[in-house]
PDB file of N, CA and C in Angstrom:
ATOM      1  N   MET A   1      -9.959  10.288  20.624  1.00  0.00           N
ATOM      2  CA  MET A   1     -10.091   9.176  19.942  1.00  0.00           C
ATOM      3  C   MET A   1      -9.326   8.083  20.673  1.00  0.00           C
ATOM      4  N   ASN A   2     -10.053   6.954  20.751  1.00  0.00           N
ATOM      5  CA  ASN A   2      -9.372   5.860  21.385  1.00  0.00           C
ATOM      6  C   ASN A   2      -8.342   5.275  20.545  1.00  0.00           C
ATOM      7  N   ARG A   3      -7.144   4.658  21.284  1.00  0.00           N
ATOM      8  CA  ARG A   3      -5.888   4.370  20.562  1.00  0.00           C
ATOM      9  C   ARG A   3      -6.100   3.420  19.397  1.00  0.00           C
ATOM     10  N   TYR A   4      -7.068   2.206  19.851  1.00  0.00           N
ATOM     11  CA  TYR A   4      -7.328   1.223  18.956  1.00  0.00           C
ATOM     12  C   TYR A   4      -8.749   1.248  18.512  1.00  0.00           C
ATOM     13  N   VAL A   5      -9.135   1.027  17.435  1.00  0.00           N
ATOM     14  CA  VAL A   5     -10.601   1.168  16.844  1.00  0.00           C
ATOM     15  C   VAL A   5     -10.877  -0.244  16.240  1.00  0.00           C
ATOM     16  N   PRO A   6     -11.866  -0.786  16.334  1.00  0.00           N
ATOM     17  CA  PRO A   6     -12.172  -2.073  15.618  1.00  0.00           C
ATOM     18  C   PRO A   6     -12.453  -1.776  14.061  1.00  0.00           C
ATOM     19  N   ILE A   7     -12.161  -2.636  13.203  1.00  0.00           N
ATOM     20  CA  ILE A   7     -12.599  -2.519  11.864  1.00  0.00           C
ATOM     21  C   ILE A   7     -14.066  -2.685  11.906  1.00  0.00           C
ATOM     22  N   THR A   8     -14.886  -2.082  10.995  1.00  0.00           N
ATOM     23  CA  THR A   8     -16.314  -2.289  10.947  1.00  0.00           C
ATOM     24  C   THR A   8     -16.976  -3.501  10.270  1.00  0.00           C
ATOM     25  N   GLY A   9     -16.015  -4.135   9.518  1.00  0.00           N
ATOM     26  CA  GLY A   9     -16.337  -5.196   8.738  1.00  0.00           C
ATOM     27  C   GLY A   9     -16.595  -6.484   9.270  1.00  0.00           C
ATOM     28  N   HIS A  10     -16.189  -6.664  10.622  1.00  0.00           N
ATOM     29  CA  HIS A  10     -16.409  -7.905  11.366  1.00  0.00           C
ATOM     30  C   HIS A  10     -17.252  -7.490  12.654  1.00  0.00           C
ATOM     31  N   ASP A  11     -18.515  -8.001  12.559  1.00  0.00           N
ATOM     32  CA  ASP A  11     -19.484  -7.543  13.807  1.00  0.00           C
ATOM     33  C   ASP A  11     -19.377  -8.686  14.693  1.00  0.00           C
ATOM     34  N   CYS A  12     -18.830  -8.377  15.822  1.00  0.00           N
ATOM     35  CA  CYS A  12     -18.771  -9.265  17.013  1.00  0.00           C
ATOM     36  C   CYS A  12     -18.575  -8.472  18.220  1.00  0.00           C
ATOM     37  N   ASN A  13     -19.048  -9.086  19.419  1.00  0.00           N
ATOM     38  CA  ASN A  13     -18.810  -8.588  20.616  1.00  0.00           C
ATOM     39  C   ASN A  13     -17.428  -8.119  21.179  1.00  0.00           C
ATOM     40  N   ILE A  14     -16.491  -8.985  20.673  1.00  0.00           N
ATOM     41  CA  ILE A  14     -15.100  -8.874  21.158  1.00  0.00           C
ATOM     42  C   ILE A  14     -14.200  -8.655  19.954  1.00  0.00           C
ATOM     43  N   PRO A  15     -14.123  -7.483  19.531  1.00  0.00           N
ATOM     44  CA  PRO A  15     -13.308  -7.115  18.254  1.00  0.00           C
ATOM     45  C   PRO A  15     -11.859  -7.710  18.334  1.00  0.00           C
ATOM     46  N   SER A  16     -11.473  -8.193  17.153  1.00  0.00           N
ATOM     47  CA  SER A  16      -9.978  -8.939  17.381  1.00  0.00           C
ATOM     48  C   SER A  16      -9.300  -8.183  16.186  1.00  0.00           C
ATOM     49  N   LEU A  17      -9.846  -7.521  15.127  1.00  0.00           N
ATOM     50  CA  LEU A  17      -8.926  -6.750  14.286  1.00  0.00           C
ATOM     51  C   LEU A  17      -9.176  -5.326  14.538  1.00  0.00           C
ATOM     52  N   LEU A  18      -8.077  -4.632  14.940  1.00  0.00           N
ATOM     53  CA  LEU A  18      -7.954  -3.200  15.328  1.00  0.00           C
ATOM     54  C   LEU A  18      -7.180  -2.400  14.372  1.00  0.00           C
ATOM     55  N   ILE A  19      -7.417  -1.071  14.496  1.00  0.00           N
ATOM     56  CA  ILE A  19      -6.657  -0.106  13.719  1.00  0.00           C
ATOM     57  C   ILE A  19      -6.065   0.800  14.661  1.00  0.00           C
ATOM     58  N   ASP A  20      -4.728   0.904  14.730  1.00  0.00           N
ATOM     59  CA  ASP A  20      -4.051   1.799  15.557  1.00  0.00           C
ATOM     60  C   ASP A  20      -4.215   3.306  15.196  1.00  0.00           C
ATOM     61  N   THR A  21      -4.971   3.961  15.987  1.00  0.00           N
ATOM     62  CA  THR A  21      -5.131   5.437  15.595  1.00  0.00           C
ATOM     63  C   THR A  21      -4.062   6.367  15.743  1.00  0.00           C
ATOM     64  N   GLN A  22      -3.063   5.808  16.246  1.00  0.00           N
ATOM     65  CA  GLN A  22      -1.921   6.617  16.326  1.00  0.00           C
ATOM     66  C   GLN A  22      -0.640   6.077  15.539  1.00  0.00           C
ATOM     67  N   ALA A  23      -1.066   5.421  14.543  1.00  0.00           N
ATOM     68  CA  ALA A  23      -0.088   4.821  13.365  1.00  0.00           C
ATOM     69  C   ALA A  23       0.077   6.202  12.507  1.00  0.00           C
ATOM     70  N   PRO A  24       1.278   6.181  12.022  1.00  0.00           N
ATOM     71  CA  PRO A  24       1.690   7.212  11.140  1.00  0.00           C
ATOM     72  C   PRO A  24       0.561   7.400   9.906  1.00  0.00           C
ATOM     73  N   ILE A  25       0.244   8.665   9.412  1.00  0.00           N
ATOM     74  CA  ILE A  25      -0.726   8.665   8.419  1.00  0.00           C
ATOM     75  C   ILE A  25      -0.234   7.834   7.153  1.00  0.00           C
ATOM     76  N   ASP A  26       0.830   7.922   6.845  1.00  0.00           N
ATOM     77  CA  ASP A  26       1.314   7.247   5.649  1.00  0.00           C
ATOM     78  C   ASP A  26       1.194   5.719   5.724  1.00  0.00           C
ATOM     79  N   VAL A  27       1.380   5.164   6.880  1.00  0.00           N
ATOM     80  CA  VAL A  27       1.192   3.738   7.090  1.00  0.00           C
ATOM     81  C   VAL A  27      -0.269   3.273   7.134  1.00  0.00           C
ATOM     82  N   LEU A  28      -1.186   4.253   7.451  1.00  0.00           N
ATOM     83  CA  LEU A  28      -2.600   4.025   7.327  1.00  0.00           C
ATOM     84  C   LEU A  28      -3.078   4.184   5.910  1.00  0.00           C
ATOM     85  N   HIS A  29      -2.629   5.142   5.270  1.00  0.00           N
ATOM     86  CA  HIS A  29      -2.815   5.462   3.838  1.00  0.00           C
ATOM     87  C   HIS A  29      -2.356   4.220   3.004  1.00  0.00           C
ATOM     88  N   ASP A  30      -1.134   3.749   3.117  1.00  0.00           N
ATOM     89  CA  ASP A  30      -0.580   2.570   2.568  1.00  0.00           C
ATOM     90  C   ASP A  30      -1.459   1.315   2.753  1.00  0.00           C
ATOM     91  N   ALA A  31      -1.900   1.096   3.899  1.00  0.00           N
ATOM     92  CA  ALA A  31      -2.800  -0.268   4.278  1.00  0.00           C
ATOM     93  C   ALA A  31      -4.116   0.084   3.598  1.00  0.00           C
ATOM     94  N   ALA A  32      -4.505   1.217   3.489  1.00  0.00           N
ATOM     95  CA  ALA A  32      -5.832   1.482   2.801  1.00  0.00           C
ATOM     96  C   ALA A  32      -5.614   1.339   1.342  1.00  0.00           C
ATOM     97  N   ALA A  33      -4.718   1.828   0.756  1.00  0.00           N
ATOM     98  CA  ALA A  33      -4.405   1.802  -0.617  1.00  0.00           C
ATOM     99  C   ALA A  33      -4.359   0.391  -1.158  1.00  0.00           C
ATOM    100  N   TYR A  34      -3.620  -0.333  -0.449  1.00  0.00           N
ATOM    101  CA  TYR A  34      -3.210  -1.725  -0.761  1.00  0.00           C
ATOM    102  C   TYR A  34      -4.507  -2.478  -0.760  1.00  0.00           C
ATOM    103  N   ARG A  35      -5.464  -2.378  -0.030  1.00  0.00           N
ATOM    104  CA  ARG A  35      -6.801  -3.208   0.072  1.00  0.00           C
ATOM    105  C   ARG A  35      -7.481  -2.603  -1.061  1.00  0.00           C
ATOM    106  N   ILE A  36      -7.760  -1.327  -1.436  1.00  0.00           N
ATOM    107  CA  ILE A  36      -8.510  -0.902  -2.420  1.00  0.00           C
ATOM    108  C   ILE A  36      -7.955  -1.240  -3.821  1.00  0.00           C
ATOM    109  N   ARG A  37      -6.594  -1.158  -3.891  1.00  0.00           N
ATOM    110  CA  ARG A  37      -5.977  -1.556  -5.229  1.00  0.00           C
ATOM    111  C   ARG A  37      -6.123  -3.095  -5.427  1.00  0.00           C
ATOM    112  N   ALA A  38      -6.201  -3.923  -4.448  1.00  0.00           N
ATOM    113  CA  ALA A  38      -6.401  -5.473  -4.661  1.00  0.00           C
ATOM    114  C   ALA A  38      -7.764  -5.480  -5.184  1.00  0.00           C
ATOM    115  N   VAL A  39      -8.734  -4.937  -4.556  1.00  0.00           N
ATOM    116  CA  VAL A  39     -10.251  -5.011  -5.062  1.00  0.00           C
ATOM    117  C   VAL A  39     -10.282  -4.701  -6.329  1.00  0.00           C
ATOM    118  N   THR A  40      -9.599  -3.503  -6.746  1.00  0.00           N
ATOM    119  CA  THR A  40      -9.665  -2.949  -8.022  1.00  0.00           C
ATOM    120  C   THR A  40      -9.335  -3.805  -9.074  1.00  0.00           C
ATOM    121  N   GLN A  41      -8.092  -4.491  -8.745  1.00  0.00           N
ATOM    122  CA  GLN A  41      -7.429  -5.370  -9.794  1.00  0.00           C
ATOM    123  C   GLN A  41      -8.330  -6.668  -9.949  1.00  0.00           C
ATOM    124  N   LEU A  42      -8.844  -7.121  -8.788  1.00  0.00           N
ATOM    125  CA  LEU A  42      -9.945  -8.255  -8.905  1.00  0.00           C
ATOM    126  C   LEU A  42     -11.150  -8.015  -9.805  1.00  0.00           C
ATOM    127  N   LEU A  43     -11.776  -6.811  -9.497  1.00  0.00           N
ATOM    128  CA  LEU A  43     -12.895  -6.354 -10.309  1.00  0.00           C
ATOM    129  C   LEU A  43     -12.479  -6.224 -11.784  1.00  0.00           C
ATOM    130  N   GLU A  44     -11.478  -5.660 -11.754  1.00  0.00           N
ATOM    131  CA  GLU A  44     -11.033  -5.392 -13.452  1.00  0.00           C
ATOM    132  C   GLU A  44     -10.772  -6.748 -14.188  1.00  0.00           C
ATOM    133  N   SER A  45     -10.297  -7.631 -13.396  1.00  0.00           N
ATOM    134  CA  SER A  45     -10.149  -9.136 -14.151  1.00  0.00           C
ATOM    135  C   SER A  45     -11.490  -9.500 -14.394  1.00  0.00           C
ATOM    136  N   PHE A  46     -12.519  -9.322 -13.716  1.00  0.00           N
ATOM    137  CA  PHE A  46     -13.836  -9.913 -13.923  1.00  0.00           C
ATOM    138  C   PHE A  46     -14.499  -9.125 -15.035  1.00  0.00           C
ATOM    139  N   SER A  47     -14.118  -7.794 -15.298  1.00  0.00           N
ATOM    140  CA  SER A  47     -14.631  -7.050 -16.361  1.00  0.00           C
ATOM    141  C   SER A  47     -14.090  -7.533 -17.743  1.00  0.00           C
ATOM    142  N   VAL A  48     -13.091  -8.169 -17.755  1.00  0.00           N
ATOM    143  CA  VAL A  48     -12.423  -8.795 -18.955  1.00  0.00           C
ATOM    144  C   VAL A  48     -12.751 -10.328 -19.116  1.00  0.00           C
ATOM    145  N   ALA A  49     -13.155 -10.888 -18.111  1.00  0.00           N
ATOM    146  CA  ALA A  49     -13.626 -12.315 -18.278  1.00  0.00           C
ATOM    147  C   ALA A  49     -14.843 -12.752 -18.751  1.00  0.00           C
ATOM    148  N   ASP A  50     -15.158 -13.967 -19.184  1.00  0.00           N
ATOM    149  CA  ASP A  50     -16.340 -14.281 -19.807  1.00  0.00           C
ATOM    150  C   ASP A  50     -17.387 -14.441 -18.585  1.00  0.00           C
ATOM    151  N   ALA A  51     -18.144 -13.442 -18.434  1.00  0.00           N
ATOM    152  CA  ALA A  51     -19.241 -13.489 -17.264  1.00  0.00           C
ATOM    153  C   ALA A  51     -19.954 -14.766 -17.354  1.00  0.00           C
ATOM    154  N   PRO A  52     -20.495 -15.434 -18.288  1.00  0.00           N
ATOM    155  CA  PRO A  52     -21.447 -16.406 -18.177  1.00  0.00           C
ATOM    156  C   PRO A  52     -20.765 -17.802 -17.486  1.00  0.00           C
ATOM    157  N   ARG A  53     -19.375 -17.753 -17.587  1.00  0.00           N
ATOM    158  CA  ARG A  53     -18.924 -19.106 -16.977  1.00  0.00           C
ATOM    159  C   ARG A  53     -18.722 -18.952 -15.623  1.00  0.00           C
ATOM    160  N   HIS A  54     -19.032 -17.822 -14.826  1.00  0.00           N
ATOM    161  CA  HIS A  54     -18.790 -17.766 -13.321  1.00  0.00           C
ATOM    162  C   HIS A  54     -20.013 -18.253 -12.763  1.00  0.00           C
ATOM    163  N   GLU A  55     -19.848 -19.150 -11.767  1.00  0.00           N
ATOM    164  CA  GLU A  55     -21.173 -19.630 -11.011  1.00  0.00           C
ATOM    165  C   GLU A  55     -21.548 -18.565  -9.971  1.00  0.00           C
ATOM    166  N   PRO A  56     -22.884 -18.391  -9.985  1.00  0.00           N
ATOM    167  CA  PRO A  56     -23.551 -17.572  -8.895  1.00  0.00           C
ATOM    168  C   PRO A  56     -22.933 -17.540  -7.439  1.00  0.00           C
ATOM    169  N   VAL A  57     -22.672 -18.812  -7.031  1.00  0.00           N
ATOM    170  CA  VAL A  57     -22.104 -18.955  -5.667  1.00  0.00           C
ATOM    171  C   VAL A  57     -20.879 -18.339  -5.518  1.00  0.00           C
ATOM    172  N   LEU A  58     -19.979 -18.640  -6.552  1.00  0.00           N
ATOM    173  CA  LEU A  58     -18.573 -18.009  -6.694  1.00  0.00           C
ATOM    174  C   LEU A  58     -18.498 -16.584  -6.837  1.00  0.00           C
ATOM    175  N   LEU A  59     -19.463 -15.969  -7.536  1.00  0.00           N
ATOM    176  CA  LEU A  59     -19.500 -14.578  -7.551  1.00  0.00           C
ATOM    177  C   LEU A  59     -19.953 -14.064  -6.211  1.00  0.00           C
ATOM    178  N   GLN A  60     -20.868 -14.609  -5.601  1.00  0.00           N
ATOM    179  CA  GLN A  60     -21.393 -14.195  -4.181  1.00  0.00           C
ATOM    180  C   GLN A  60     -20.148 -14.092  -3.145  1.00  0.00           C
ATOM    181  N   GLU A  61     -19.556 -15.235  -3.281  1.00  0.00           N
ATOM    182  CA  GLU A  61     -18.135 -15.234  -2.370  1.00  0.00           C
ATOM    183  C   GLU A  61     -17.274 -14.189  -2.614  1.00  0.00           C
ATOM    184  N   LEU A  62     -16.904 -13.864  -3.994  1.00  0.00           N
ATOM    185  CA  LEU A  62     -16.123 -12.906  -4.394  1.00  0.00           C
ATOM    186  C   LEU A  62     -16.389 -11.658  -4.047  1.00  0.00           C
ATOM    187  N   THR A  63     -17.602 -11.296  -4.165  1.00  0.00           N
ATOM    188  CA  THR A  63     -18.151  -9.929  -3.792  1.00  0.00           C
ATOM    189  C   THR A  63     -18.136  -9.670  -2.349  1.00  0.00           C
ATOM    190  N   LEU A  64     -18.322 -10.891  -1.567  1.00  0.00           N
ATOM    191  CA  LEU A  64     -18.054 -10.625  -0.112  1.00  0.00           C
ATOM    192  C   LEU A  64     -16.751 -10.313   0.307  1.00  0.00           C
ATOM    193  N   VAL A  65     -15.744 -11.039  -0.520  1.00  0.00           N
ATOM    194  CA  VAL A  65     -14.189 -10.684  -0.171  1.00  0.00           C
ATOM    195  C   VAL A  65     -13.972  -9.145  -0.549  1.00  0.00           C
ATOM    196  N   CYS A  66     -14.456  -8.721  -1.723  1.00  0.00           N
ATOM    197  CA  CYS A  66     -14.407  -7.287  -2.204  1.00  0.00           C
ATOM    198  C   CYS A  66     -14.955  -6.492  -1.165  1.00  0.00           C
ATOM    199  N   SER A  67     -16.281  -6.804  -0.641  1.00  0.00           N
ATOM    200  CA  SER A  67     -16.831  -5.801   0.226  1.00  0.00           C
ATOM    201  C   SER A  67     -15.935  -5.662   1.548  1.00  0.00           C
ATOM    202  N   ILE A  68     -15.524  -6.762   2.021  1.00  0.00           N
ATOM    203  CA  ILE A  68     -14.582  -6.679   3.287  1.00  0.00           C
ATOM    204  C   ILE A  68     -13.434  -6.030   3.067  1.00  0.00           C
ATOM    205  N   MET A  69     -12.774  -6.128   1.896  1.00  0.00           N
ATOM    206  CA  MET A  69     -11.466  -5.401   1.724  1.00  0.00           C
ATOM    207  C   MET A  69     -11.759  -3.859   1.568  1.00  0.00           C
ATOM    208  N   LEU A  70     -12.943  -3.600   0.784  1.00  0.00           N
ATOM    209  CA  LEU A  70     -13.133  -2.214   0.653  1.00  0.00           C
ATOM    210  C   LEU A  70     -13.546  -1.373   2.101  1.00  0.00           C
ATOM    211  N   ARG A  71     -14.240  -2.263   2.840  1.00  0.00           N
ATOM    212  CA  ARG A  71     -14.668  -1.598   4.253  1.00  0.00           C
ATOM    213  C   ARG A  71     -13.391  -1.557   4.936  1.00  0.00           C
ATOM    214  N   ASP A  72     -12.502  -2.299   5.044  1.00  0.00           N
ATOM    215  CA  ASP A  72     -11.222  -2.183   5.912  1.00  0.00           C
ATOM    216  C   ASP A  72     -10.557  -1.020   5.202  1.00  0.00           C
ATOM    217  N   GLY A  73     -10.499  -0.825   3.950  1.00  0.00           N
ATOM    218  CA  GLY A  73      -9.681   0.346   3.392  1.00  0.00           C
ATOM    219  C   GLY A  73     -10.284   1.679   3.764  1.00  0.00           C
ATOM    220  N   CYS A  74     -11.707   1.552   3.801  1.00  0.00           N
ATOM    221  CA  CYS A  74     -12.564   2.813   4.156  1.00  0.00           C
ATOM    222  C   CYS A  74     -12.207   3.183   5.521  1.00  0.00           C
ATOM    223  N   ASP A  75     -12.211   2.136   6.475  1.00  0.00           N
ATOM    224  CA  ASP A  75     -12.006   2.247   7.759  1.00  0.00           C
ATOM    225  C   ASP A  75     -10.568   2.990   8.250  1.00  0.00           C
ATOM    226  N   LEU A  76      -9.624   2.454   7.346  1.00  0.00           N
ATOM    227  CA  LEU A  76      -8.246   2.899   7.619  1.00  0.00           C
ATOM    228  C   LEU A  76      -8.263   4.415   7.040  1.00  0.00           C
ATOM    229  N   MET A  77      -8.895   4.585   5.854  1.00  0.00           N
ATOM    230  CA  MET A  77      -8.885   6.023   5.554  1.00  0.00           C
ATOM    231  C   MET A  77      -9.429   6.958   6.367  1.00  0.00           C
ATOM    232  N   ASP A  78     -10.609   6.562   7.105  1.00  0.00           N
ATOM    233  CA  ASP A  78     -11.344   7.389   8.011  1.00  0.00           C
ATOM    234  C   ASP A  78     -10.545   7.751   9.095  1.00  0.00           C
ATOM    235  N   VAL A  79      -9.845   6.693   9.686  1.00  0.00           N
ATOM    236  CA  VAL A  79      -8.825   7.030  10.894  1.00  0.00           C
ATOM    237  C   VAL A  79      -7.668   7.989  10.451  1.00  0.00           C
ATOM    238  N   ALA A  80      -7.167   7.832   9.204  1.00  0.00           N
ATOM    239  CA  ALA A  80      -6.083   8.822   8.669  1.00  0.00           C
ATOM    240  C   ALA A  80      -6.764  10.265   8.504  1.00  0.00           C
ATOM    241  N   GLY A  81      -8.081  10.277   7.911  1.00  0.00           N
ATOM    242  CA  GLY A  81      -8.780  11.602   7.924  1.00  0.00           C
ATOM    243  C   GLY A  81      -8.812  12.212   9.239  1.00  0.00           C
ATOM    244  N   ARG A  82      -9.324  11.539  10.124  1.00  0.00           N
ATOM    245  CA  ARG A  82      -9.493  12.047  11.559  1.00  0.00           C
ATOM    246  C   ARG A  82      -8.139  12.430  12.249  1.00  0.00           C
ATOM    247  N   GLN A  83      -6.991  11.870  11.761  1.00  0.00           N
ATOM    248  CA  GLN A  83      -5.800  12.377  12.307  1.00  0.00           C
ATOM    249  C   GLN A  83      -5.492  13.633  11.546  1.00  0.00           C
ATOM    250  N   LEU A  84      -5.783  13.835  10.325  1.00  0.00           N
ATOM    251  CA  LEU A  84      -5.405  14.910   9.487  1.00  0.00           C
ATOM    252  C   LEU A  84      -6.379  16.070  10.007  1.00  0.00           C
ATOM    253  N   GLN A  85      -7.625  15.747  10.458  1.00  0.00           N
ATOM    254  CA  GLN A  85      -8.426  17.008  10.942  1.00  0.00           C
ATOM    255  C   GLN A  85      -7.944  17.391  12.288  1.00  0.00           C
ATOM    256  N   GLU A  86      -7.501  16.440  13.108  1.00  0.00           N
ATOM    257  CA  GLU A  86      -6.855  17.024  14.269  1.00  0.00           C
ATOM    258  C   GLU A  86      -5.659  17.688  14.372  1.00  0.00           C
ATOM    259  N   ARG A  87      -4.744  17.432  13.455  1.00  0.00           N
ATOM    260  CA  ARG A  87      -3.702  18.267  13.169  1.00  0.00           C
ATOM    261  C   ARG A  87      -4.009  19.518  12.470  1.00  0.00           C
ATOM    262  N   LEU A  88      -5.054  19.731  11.708  1.00  0.00           N
ATOM    263  CA  LEU A  88      -5.354  21.071  11.208  1.00  0.00           C
ATOM    264  C   LEU A  88      -6.141  21.924  12.337  1.00  0.00           C
ATOM    265  N   ALA A  89      -6.604  21.245  13.280  1.00  0.00           N
ATOM    266  CA  ALA A  89      -7.381  21.852  14.414  1.00  0.00           C
ATOM    267  C   ALA A  89      -6.413  22.567  15.452  1.00  0.00           C
ATOM    268  N   ILE A  90      -5.084  22.201  15.448  1.00  0.00           N
ATOM    269  CA  ILE A  90      -4.070  22.617  16.413  1.00  0.00           C
ATOM    270  C   ILE A  90      -3.684  24.038  16.058  1.00  0.00           C
TER     271      ILE A  90
END
């Protein structure tokens, strides 16, 4: 596994946001959990808000933010999972 892997949420030829695959598993997990909790809290706040007052453009922008954060969290969890699998294979 390469030392640094780009996050999948940003599609470009020269990646600038990278995950250190050798970071400790607890650090990877914490970073992933932080992003997933942030999205969860945002989505929960929408579930109790008055839906009709939200503009479609605003909702579109907020769903994009949620998807970026969730994708980052999934990428981090994927790297942590690969580290765990490598440790179990030893």
